[in-house]
C-alpha atoms as a PDB file:
ATOM      1  CA  MET A   1      -5.582 -12.982   2.278  1.00  0.00           C
ATOM      2  CA  MET A   2      -4.894 -13.415  -1.447  1.00  0.00           C
ATOM      3  CA  THR A   3      -2.718 -15.603  -2.988  1.00  0.00           C
ATOM      4  CA  LEU A   4      -1.979 -16.592  -6.458  1.00  0.00           C
ATOM      5  CA  LYS A   5      -3.073 -20.572  -6.511  1.00  0.00           C
ATOM      6  CA  GLN A   6      -6.464 -18.972  -4.192  1.00  0.00           C
ATOM      7  CA  ASN A   7      -6.917 -15.610  -6.192  1.00  0.00           C
ATOM      8  CA  TRP A   8      -9.567 -13.930  -4.040  1.00  0.00           C
ATOM      9  CA  GLN A   9      -9.450 -12.895  -0.746  1.00  0.00           C
ATOM     10  CA  PHE A  10     -10.283 -14.860   2.133  1.00  0.00           C
ATOM     11  CA  THR A  11      -9.815 -15.435   5.789  1.00  0.00           C
ATOM     12  CA  VAL A  12      -6.916 -16.673   8.276  1.00  0.00           C
ATOM     13  CA  THR A  13      -7.101 -17.565  11.554  1.00  0.00           C
ATOM     14  CA  SER A  14      -2.959 -18.086  12.784  1.00  0.00           C
ATOM     15  CA  LYS A  15       0.286 -17.552  10.977  1.00  0.00           C
ATOM     16  CA  LYS A  16       0.600 -21.364  10.947  1.00  0.00           C
ATOM     17  CA  GLU A  17      -2.866 -20.797   8.390  1.00  0.00           C
ATOM     18  CA  ILE A  18      -0.909 -18.074   6.603  1.00  0.00           C
ATOM     19  CA  LEU A  19       3.045 -20.200   6.568  1.00  0.00           C
ATOM     20  CA  ARG A  20       0.722 -23.477   4.968  1.00  0.00           C
ATOM     21  CA  LYS A  21      -1.392 -21.068   2.240  1.00  0.00           C
ATOM     22  CA  CYS A  22       2.100 -19.133   1.012  1.00  0.00           C
ATOM     23  CA  GLN A  23       3.646 -22.801   0.477  1.00  0.00           C
ATOM     24  CA  ILE A  24       1.202 -24.146  -1.678  1.00  0.00           C
ATOM     25  CA  SER A  25       0.699 -21.111  -3.848  1.00  0.00           C
ATOM     26  CA  ASP A  26       4.951 -21.821  -3.822  1.00  0.00           C
ATOM     27  CA  TYR A  27       5.129 -18.631  -1.951  1.00  0.00           C
ATOM     28  CA  ILE A  28       4.710 -16.572  -5.166  1.00  0.00           C
ATOM     29  CA  ASP A  29       1.960 -13.596  -4.609  1.00  0.00           C
ATOM     30  CA  CYS A  30       0.970 -14.289  -1.122  1.00  0.00           C
ATOM     31  CA  ARG A  31      -0.424 -10.319   0.324  1.00  0.00           C
ATOM     32  CA  ILE A  32      -2.754 -10.034   3.678  1.00  0.00           C
ATOM     33  CA  ASN A  33      -4.844  -7.153   3.942  1.00  0.00           C
ATOM     34  CA  ALA A  34      -4.132  -4.604   6.781  1.00  0.00           C
ATOM     35  CA  TYR A  35      -7.512  -3.921   7.563  1.00  0.00           C
ATOM     36  CA  PRO A  36      -9.896  -6.543   9.264  1.00  0.00           C
ATOM     37  CA  GLU A  37     -12.666  -8.843   7.281  1.00  0.00           C
ATOM     38  CA  TYR A  38     -15.295  -6.211   8.609  1.00  0.00           C
ATOM     39  CA  VAL A  39     -15.347  -2.732   8.396  1.00  0.00           C
ATOM     40  CA  LYS A  40     -18.525  -1.118   9.467  1.00  0.00           C
ATOM     41  CA  TYR A  41     -21.578  -2.650  11.636  1.00  0.00           C
ATOM     42  CA  GLN A  42     -25.059  -2.445  10.025  1.00  0.00           C
ATOM     43  CA  GLY A  43     -23.996   0.266   7.223  1.00  0.00           C
ATOM     44  CA  ILE A  44     -22.084   2.328  10.140  1.00  0.00           C
ATOM     45  CA  VAL A  45     -18.044   2.524   9.060  1.00  0.00           C
ATOM     46  CA  ARG A  46     -16.620   1.676  12.415  1.00  0.00           C
ATOM     47  CA  GLN A  47     -12.584   1.276  11.260  1.00  0.00           C
ATOM     48  CA  PRO A  48     -10.958   4.125  11.435  1.00  0.00           C
ATOM     49  CA  PRO A  49      -8.506   4.873   8.445  1.00  0.00           C
ATOM     50  CA  ASP A  50      -5.368   3.876  10.313  1.00  0.00           C
ATOM     51  CA  PHE A  51      -3.396   2.404   7.970  1.00  0.00           C
ATOM     52  CA  ALA A  52      -1.564   4.624   4.891  1.00  0.00           C
ATOM     53  CA  PHE A  53      -0.835   1.812   1.357  1.00  0.00           C
ATOM     54  CA  ILE A  54       1.667   4.451  -1.136  1.00  0.00           C
ATOM     55  CA  ASP A  55       2.419   2.688  -4.335  1.00  0.00           C
ATOM     56  CA  LEU A  56       5.100   3.557  -6.273  1.00  0.00           C
ATOM     57  CA  ASP A  57       5.533   1.953  -9.855  1.00  0.00           C
ATOM     58  CA  LEU A  58       8.489   1.932 -11.705  1.00  0.00           C
ATOM     59  CA  THR A  59       6.232   2.185 -14.835  1.00  0.00           C
ATOM     60  CA  ASN A  60       5.789   5.581 -13.743  1.00  0.00           C
ATOM     61  CA  PHE A  61       9.160   6.853 -13.628  1.00  0.00           C
ATOM     62  CA  ASP A  62      10.368   5.760 -16.675  1.00  0.00           C
ATOM     63  CA  ASN A  63      11.210   1.942 -15.359  1.00  0.00           C
ATOM     64  CA  ASP A  64      14.411   4.209 -14.707  1.00  0.00           C
ATOM     65  CA  ARG A  65      15.455   2.834 -10.440  1.00  0.00           C
ATOM     66  CA  ASP A  66      17.643   5.971  -9.852  1.00  0.00           C
ATOM     67  CA  LYS A  67      14.199   8.251 -10.592  1.00  0.00           C
ATOM     68  CA  ILE A  68      12.332   6.077  -8.493  1.00  0.00           C
ATOM     69  CA  ASP A  69      15.009   5.628  -5.616  1.00  0.00           C
ATOM     70  CA  ARG A  70      15.376  10.340  -5.541  1.00  0.00           C
ATOM     71  CA  THR A  71      11.244  10.224  -5.345  1.00  0.00           C
ATOM     72  CA  LEU A  72      11.049   7.297  -2.665  1.00  0.00           C
ATOM     73  CA  LYS A  73      14.324   8.835  -0.285  1.00  0.00           C
ATOM     74  CA  ARG A  74      11.851  12.398  -1.036  1.00  0.00           C
ATOM     75  CA  ILE A  75       9.375  10.320   0.459  1.00  0.00           C
ATOM     76  CA  ALA A  76      10.624   8.791   3.025  1.00  0.00           C
ATOM     77  CA  ASN A  77      12.349  11.957   4.643  1.00  0.00           C
ATOM     78  CA  LYS A  78       8.736  13.409   4.265  1.00  0.00           C
ATOM     79  CA  ILE A  79       7.540  11.267   6.495  1.00  0.00           C
ATOM     80  CA  CYS A  80      10.727  10.812   8.736  1.00  0.00           C
ATOM     81  CA  ARG A  81      10.044  14.681   9.673  1.00  0.00           C
ATOM     82  CA  LEU A  82       7.451  13.977  11.118  1.00  0.00           C
ATOM     83  CA  GLY A  83       9.034  11.691  13.821  1.00  0.00           C
ATOM     84  CA  THR A  84       8.146   8.248  12.250  1.00  0.00           C
ATOM     85  CA  GLU A  85       9.185   5.787  10.418  1.00  0.00           C
ATOM     86  CA  PRO A  86       7.633   3.707   7.133  1.00  0.00           C
ATOM     87  CA  THR A  87       8.182   0.213   6.585  1.00  0.00           C
ATOM     88  CA  ILE A  88       9.338   0.362   2.726  1.00  0.00           C
ATOM     89  CA  LEU A  89       9.409  -3.113   0.544  1.00  0.00           C
ATOM     90  CA  TRP A  90      10.670  -3.263  -2.477  1.00  0.00           C
ATOM     91  CA  SER A  91       7.851  -5.494  -5.080  1.00  0.00           C
ATOM     92  CA  GLY A  92       9.608  -6.204  -7.912  1.00  0.00           C
ATOM     93  CA  ASN A  93       8.044  -3.489 -10.026  1.00  0.00           C
ATOM     94  CA  GLY A  94       8.547  -1.027  -7.742  1.00  0.00           C
ATOM     95  CA  TYR A  95       8.546   0.183  -3.982  1.00  0.00           C
ATOM     96  CA  HIS A  96       5.465   0.100  -1.492  1.00  0.00           C
ATOM     97  CA  ILE A  97       5.163   1.764   1.499  1.00  0.00           C
ATOM     98  CA  TYR A  98       3.227   1.407   4.269  1.00  0.00           C
ATOM     99  CA  LEU A  99       2.380   3.497   7.282  1.00  0.00           C
ATOM    100  CA  PRO A 100       0.004   2.801  10.311  1.00  0.00           C
ATOM    101  CA  LEU A 101      -1.415   6.084  11.182  1.00  0.00           C
ATOM    102  CA  ASP A 102      -3.116   7.235  14.684  1.00  0.00           C
ATOM    103  CA  ALA A 103      -6.639   8.217  12.719  1.00  0.00           C
ATOM    104  CA  MET A 104     -10.522   8.376  14.109  1.00  0.00           C
ATOM    105  CA  VAL A 105     -12.996   7.045  12.066  1.00  0.00           C
ATOM    106  CA  LEU A 106     -13.781  10.429   9.634  1.00  0.00           C
ATOM    107  CA  ASP A 107     -17.246   9.062   9.092  1.00  0.00           C
ATOM    108  CA  LYS A 108     -18.608   9.743  11.846  1.00  0.00           C
ATOM    109  CA  GLU A 109     -18.116  13.617  12.336  1.00  0.00           C
ATOM    110  CA  GLU A 110     -20.747  15.859  10.856  1.00  0.00           C
ATOM    111  CA  VAL A 111     -17.729  18.413   9.559  1.00  0.00           C
ATOM    112  CA  PHE A 112     -16.765  15.425   6.671  1.00  0.00           C
ATOM    113  CA  ALA A 113     -20.762  13.811   6.173  1.00  0.00           C
ATOM    114  CA  LYS A 114     -20.830  12.794   2.414  1.00  0.00           C
ATOM    115  CA  ASP A 115     -23.798  15.010   2.042  1.00  0.00           C
ATOM    116  CA  LYS A 116     -21.747  18.032   2.086  1.00  0.00           C
ATOM    117  CA  PHE A 117     -19.599  17.009  -0.847  1.00  0.00           C
ATOM    118  CA  PRO A 118     -21.807  15.498  -3.405  1.00  0.00           C
ATOM    119  CA  SER A 119     -19.642  15.979  -5.843  1.00  0.00           C
ATOM    120  CA  LEU A 120     -17.429  13.283  -4.903  1.00  0.00           C
ATOM    121  CA  PHE A 121     -20.376  10.884  -3.150  1.00  0.00           C
ATOM    122  CA  LYS A 122     -23.445  11.117  -4.146  1.00  0.00           C
ATOM    123  CA  SER A 123     -23.646  10.297  -8.200  1.00  0.00           C
ATOM    124  CA  THR A 124     -23.378   7.472  -9.231  1.00  0.00           C
ATOM    125  CA  PHE A 125     -20.577   8.526 -11.907  1.00  0.00           C
ATOM    126  CA  SER A 126     -18.751  10.488  -9.350  1.00  0.00           C
ATOM    127  CA  THR A 127     -14.971   8.833  -8.514  1.00  0.00           C
ATOM    128  CA  TYR A 128     -15.311   7.805  -5.132  1.00  0.00           C
ATOM    129  CA  HIS A 129     -19.213   7.426  -5.156  1.00  0.00           C
ATOM    130  CA  GLU A 130     -18.098   3.819  -3.648  1.00  0.00           C
ATOM    131  CA  TYR A 131     -15.721   4.936  -1.074  1.00  0.00           C
ATOM    132  CA  SER A 132     -16.005   6.336   2.557  1.00  0.00           C
ATOM    133  CA  VAL A 133     -14.877   9.775   4.023  1.00  0.00           C
ATOM    134  CA  SER A 134     -12.399   7.534   5.457  1.00  0.00           C
ATOM    135  CA  GLU A 135     -11.361   5.525   2.834  1.00  0.00           C
ATOM    136  CA  LEU A 136     -11.117   8.462   1.008  1.00  0.00           C
ATOM    137  CA  PHE A 137      -8.938   9.578   3.491  1.00  0.00           C
ATOM    138  CA  LEU A 138      -6.483   7.351   2.585  1.00  0.00           C
ATOM    139  CA  LYS A 139      -6.166   8.017  -1.031  1.00  0.00           C
ATOM    140  CA  PHE A 140      -5.649  11.884   0.215  1.00  0.00           C
ATOM    141  CA  ALA A 141      -2.485  10.743   2.525  1.00  0.00           C
ATOM    142  CA  GLU A 142      -1.108   8.517  -0.457  1.00  0.00           C
ATOM    143  CA  ASN A 143      -1.466  11.995  -2.789  1.00  0.00           C
ATOM    144  CA  TYR A 144      -0.138  14.440   0.550  1.00  0.00           C
ATOM    145  CA  PHE A 145       3.214  12.147   0.803  1.00  0.00           C
ATOM    146  CA  THR A 146       4.501  11.065  -2.473  1.00  0.00           C
ATOM    147  CA  ASN A 147       2.921  15.048  -3.859  1.00  0.00           C
ATOM    148  CA  GLY A 148       1.259  13.548  -6.424  1.00  0.00           C
ATOM    149  CA  LYS A 149       3.861  10.945  -7.590  1.00  0.00           C
ATOM    150  CA  ALA A 150       1.860   7.614  -6.510  1.00  0.00           C
ATOM    151  CA  ASP A 151       0.595   5.277  -8.999  1.00  0.00           C
ATOM    152  CA  PRO A 152      -2.530   6.688 -10.476  1.00  0.00           C
ATOM    153  CA  LEU A 153      -4.178   3.521 -10.658  1.00  0.00           C
ATOM    154  CA  HIS A 154      -3.517   2.704  -7.267  1.00  0.00           C
ATOM    155  CA  HIS A 155      -6.819   3.593  -5.247  1.00  0.00           C
ATOM    156  CA  PRO A 156      -6.546   2.193  -1.837  1.00  0.00           C
ATOM    157  CA  LYS A 157      -9.587   1.116   0.417  1.00  0.00           C
ATOM    158  CA  TYR A 158     -10.385  -0.945   3.604  1.00  0.00           C
ATOM    159  CA  GLY A 159     -11.063  -4.336   0.747  1.00  0.00           C
ATOM    160  CA  ASN A 160      -7.802  -3.860  -1.428  1.00  0.00           C
ATOM    161  CA  SER A 161      -5.149  -3.436   1.164  1.00  0.00           C
ATOM    162  CA  LEU A 162      -2.692  -6.052   0.455  1.00  0.00           C
ATOM    163  CA  VAL A 163       0.356  -6.106   1.817  1.00  0.00           C
ATOM    164  CA  ARG A 164       3.115  -8.794   0.252  1.00  0.00           C
ATOM    165  CA  ILE A 165       4.578 -10.427   2.166  1.00  0.00           C
ATOM    166  CA  LEU A 166       8.445 -10.470   2.680  1.00  0.00           C
ATOM    167  CA  GLY A 167      10.252 -12.839   1.010  1.00  0.00           C
ATOM    168  CA  THR A 168       7.603 -13.849  -1.217  1.00  0.00           C
ATOM    169  CA  TYR A 169       7.208 -13.865  -5.336  1.00  0.00           C
ATOM    170  CA  ASN A 170       5.774 -11.633  -7.728  1.00  0.00           C
ATOM    171  CA  SER A 171       4.164 -13.326 -10.660  1.00  0.00           C
ATOM    172  CA  LYS A 172       4.322 -10.538 -12.619  1.00  0.00           C
ATOM    173  CA  CYS A 173       8.140  -9.855 -12.395  1.00  0.00           C
ATOM    174  CA  LEU A 174       7.909 -14.010 -12.983  1.00  0.00           C
ATOM    175  CA  ASN A 175       6.141 -13.480 -16.178  1.00  0.00           C
ATOM    176  CA  ARG A 176       8.183 -11.042 -17.509  1.00  0.00           C
ATOM    177  CA  GLY A 177      11.130 -14.164 -16.955  1.00  0.00           C
ATOM    178  CA  LEU A 178      13.398 -12.433 -13.301  1.00  0.00           C
ATOM    179  CA  SER A 179      14.425 -14.765 -11.494  1.00  0.00           C
ATOM    180  CA  LYS A 180      13.024 -14.792  -8.184  1.00  0.00           C
ATOM    181  CA  GLU A 181      16.263 -12.712  -6.932  1.00  0.00           C
ATOM    182  CA  GLU A 182      14.661 -10.456  -8.593  1.00  0.00           C
ATOM    183  CA  SER A 183      10.857 -10.817  -7.730  1.00  0.00           C
ATOM    184  CA  GLU A 184      11.234 -10.963  -4.254  1.00  0.00           C
ATOM    185  CA  GLY A 185      10.069  -8.866  -2.314  1.00  0.00           C
ATOM    186  CA  LYS A 186      12.682  -7.118   0.186  1.00  0.00           C
ATOM    187  CA  ASP A 187      12.955  -4.745   2.983  1.00  0.00           C
ATOM    188  CA  TYR A 188      14.391  -1.818   2.164  1.00  0.00           C
ATOM    189  CA  SER A 189      13.193   0.540   5.884  1.00  0.00           C
ATOM    190  CA  LYS A 190      16.180   0.483   7.061  1.00  0.00           C
ATOM    191  CA  MET A 191      18.122   2.792   4.881  1.00  0.00           C
ATOM    192  CA  GLU A 192      19.787   5.791   6.097  1.00  0.00           C
ATOM    193  CA  TRP A 193      17.850   7.718   4.818  1.00  0.00           C
ATOM    194  CA  GLN A 194      19.096  11.185   5.681  1.00  0.00           C
ATOM    195  CA  LYS A 195      23.037  10.416   4.930  1.00  0.00           C
ATOM    196  CA  THR A 196      22.113   8.927   1.384  1.00  0.00           C
ATOM    197  CA  SER A 197      23.205  10.348  -1.936  1.00  0.00           C
ATOM    198  CA  ASP A 198      21.169   9.460  -4.490  1.00  0.00           C
ATOM    199  CA  SER A 199      22.890   7.146  -6.029  1.00  0.00           C
ATOM    200  CA  THR A 200      23.090   5.201  -3.645  1.00  0.00           C
ATOM    201  CA  ILE A 201      20.027   5.031  -2.318  1.00  0.00           C
ATOM    202  CA  ALA A 202      19.398   1.543  -4.096  1.00  0.00           C
ATOM    203  CA  GLN A 203      21.897  -0.245  -2.584  1.00  0.00           C
ATOM    204  CA  GLY A 204      20.257   0.048   0.778  1.00  0.00           C
ATOM    205  CA  LEU A 205      23.156   1.247   2.226  1.00  0.00           C
END
């Protein structure tokens, strides 16, 4: 978990402890990692990439709420056509889309062995040299579902898949002078995606 008051990841073991940490931080920047603390055993990856975290940043859409909402609608419909529904959170600065996946540990599969892709993993100058193959899948999933519209500065990995807790506040929004209402994480998952028009999607109808 991470909060404004404790701006580093720390371990929590109960819902009661999570709530206490949120209270201490005045419910600001309260996030919890979707992945467990330990994802490797004796240097071997054992955690499947079973949770995709997609980030749409409002600044990448010219701060235009209609533009980002239209993109969100297309992404949500694409996911829903696969027979599942994502969890969608308004973060104050854009949308976070959370999608559980039925996945396997790709690092165990010979076809995905790192040495088959030296340009990605081998050199310290390679973009993904610090990634496991399974973590690289998280970036692929984000790009696939968004058609490349995700925040280019977002690089999902096991260690940074921090999910905002609903009802808590985004410090970046508060620092810009926005109200707590405007800075609060809100659930946008229950929109009727197939029926709403682009102009009404932002109201959550």
